[in-house]
Structures are given as C-alpha cells and as structure tokens.
C-alpha cells in the first residue's frame, strides 16, 4: 500500500527517536492511510486517503 494520501499528499515524515539518555535513532512516521471507495466527478473510484481527509469531509465515500 502506498504511504501517501492522494487528496492532500500527506506522506511519511522522518525524524529521530530520542531516548532518555539523549541518544538519537532514525525513525519514520506514516500517516493512517485507508483504501476507500470515493465519489469523484460522479464516478466511484478507489483511492488511498488519510483518515484526516475522511473525517474532515474532503472526500465523499460511496455507499
């Protein structure tokens, strides 16, 4: 499954995990991506969409 949202282009963020002793370890955070059926221009298609876009109503799910 892809790691980015097809609506808002939100993708994987990278950074470091920092321990109590201040040691840094590379880490990646992936968004919560769901493959859902959505209505685009009157047609039903499947897209990879983040849950933030689903919850905010940026896409309309098909029934």
Protein backbone atom coordinates (compact mmCIF):
# COMPACT_ATOMS: atom_id res chain seq x y z
CA UNK A 1 0.00 0.00 0.00
CA UNK A 2 1.20 3.47 -0.78
CA UNK A 3 2.38 5.70 2.03
CA UNK A 4 0.76 8.95 0.93
CA UNK A 5 -2.71 10.44 0.69
CA UNK A 6 -3.98 11.06 -2.84
CA UNK A 7 -6.07 14.03 -1.64
CA UNK A 8 -3.69 16.11 0.48
CA UNK A 9 -0.36 14.44 -0.49
CA UNK A 10 0.45 13.77 3.16
CA UNK A 11 3.32 11.29 3.28
CA UNK A 12 5.86 9.68 5.55
CA UNK A 13 7.64 12.04 7.95
CA UNK A 14 11.11 11.23 9.21
CA UNK A 15 12.94 12.21 12.32
CA UNK A 16 14.68 10.80 15.34
CA UNK A 17 13.52 8.90 18.36
CA UNK A 18 15.25 10.46 21.34
CA UNK A 19 15.85 8.31 24.40
CA UNK A 20 16.12 9.46 27.99
CA UNK A 21 19.91 9.41 27.60
CA UNK A 22 19.51 11.66 24.52
CA UNK A 23 20.60 9.01 22.00
CA UNK A 24 19.08 9.52 18.55
CA UNK A 25 17.72 6.69 16.42
CA UNK A 26 16.26 7.28 12.94
CA UNK A 27 12.52 6.72 12.76
CA UNK A 28 9.71 7.23 10.26
CA UNK A 29 6.07 8.11 10.97
CA UNK A 30 3.50 7.05 8.40
CA UNK A 31 0.03 8.60 8.15
CA UNK A 32 -3.07 6.46 8.65
CA UNK A 33 -3.89 5.63 5.02
CA UNK A 34 -7.08 3.77 4.09
CA UNK A 35 -8.07 2.42 0.67
CA UNK A 36 -11.69 3.51 0.28
CA UNK A 37 -14.27 3.87 -2.47
CA UNK A 38 -14.98 7.55 -3.07
CA UNK A 39 -17.14 9.53 -5.48
CA UNK A 40 -15.06 11.66 -7.86
CA UNK A 41 -16.91 13.63 -10.58
CA UNK A 42 -19.94 11.33 -10.25
CA UNK A 43 -17.96 8.10 -10.66
CA UNK A 44 -16.95 5.68 -7.95
CA UNK A 45 -13.21 5.00 -7.69
CA UNK A 46 -10.84 3.59 -5.10
CA UNK A 47 -8.29 5.95 -3.61
CA UNK A 48 -5.71 5.93 -0.86
CA UNK A 49 -6.94 8.57 1.58
CA UNK A 50 -5.72 9.57 5.04
CA UNK A 51 -8.22 9.44 7.88
CA UNK A 52 -7.92 13.20 8.42
CA UNK A 53 -9.34 13.83 4.93
CA UNK A 54 -12.10 11.27 5.51
CA UNK A 55 -13.07 12.81 8.82
CA UNK A 56 -12.98 16.42 7.60
CA UNK A 57 -15.15 15.63 4.58
CA UNK A 58 -12.63 16.41 1.84
CA UNK A 59 -13.82 13.29 0.00
CA UNK A 60 -17.24 11.70 -0.18
CA UNK A 61 -17.36 7.97 0.43
CA UNK A 62 -19.56 5.86 -1.81
CA UNK A 63 -22.16 3.64 -0.23
